[in-house]
């Protein structure tokens, strides 16, 4: 953008708009990240623009991102199905509320499990990012090893084909933010987790936490 030259007349005022008022100052848009920020361990946070009921108000933890697409699980949609009714051996390690979470619309009959482990991971754990691991639910819970801070079980997952997620981020549907292990095993869900993630951001991003997570619920 070329600089605006200073007026040679010190008494000259800025030109008014056609309505007789000075042109409004447009606030800069809030930076919500790009596809380049997406990686295992990052969060995709649904923006108010996203009204599709499948993902409105969600916080998605990214498990994998490559040229083949993106896979993640929704963290903040608990179901009413108790883990001890389906996978009794894992119930004692699950964090409250001890239910399956709806991980996404893909393969909803498939169970995935994430655990936060601070010790040396056992054979049943596969690192996603830092202390967050995918858990082999076919293994013995005793094989997880020491230092398990808790786990969460999901029914299904969210998936994007190549190019799909990039288009949605460009449209302003998702904010890509840094994730924390505590997000995976947080005892809060729904809009509370959505607001918590946005509320810890800095600057204008934090203001987004005051908006409704799911505008359709207003």
Foldseek 3Di string as FASTA:
>chain_A
DDDDDDDPDPPDDDDPDPVRHRDDDDDDDDAQDAPVLDAQQKWWAFAQVDQDVQDQLWIWGWQGQDQFWTKTFTQFAFDPAACCVPQVQQQVQAAPPRGAGAGGDAQQQDKKKKWFFDDDFFPQWDDRDDRITTGDSVDHPVRGDPRTPGMHMYRGIDIDGRPGVRVCVVVVGIGIGGHDPCSRRPNHHGLVSSLVVQCPDDDPSNVSSPDGSHVVVD
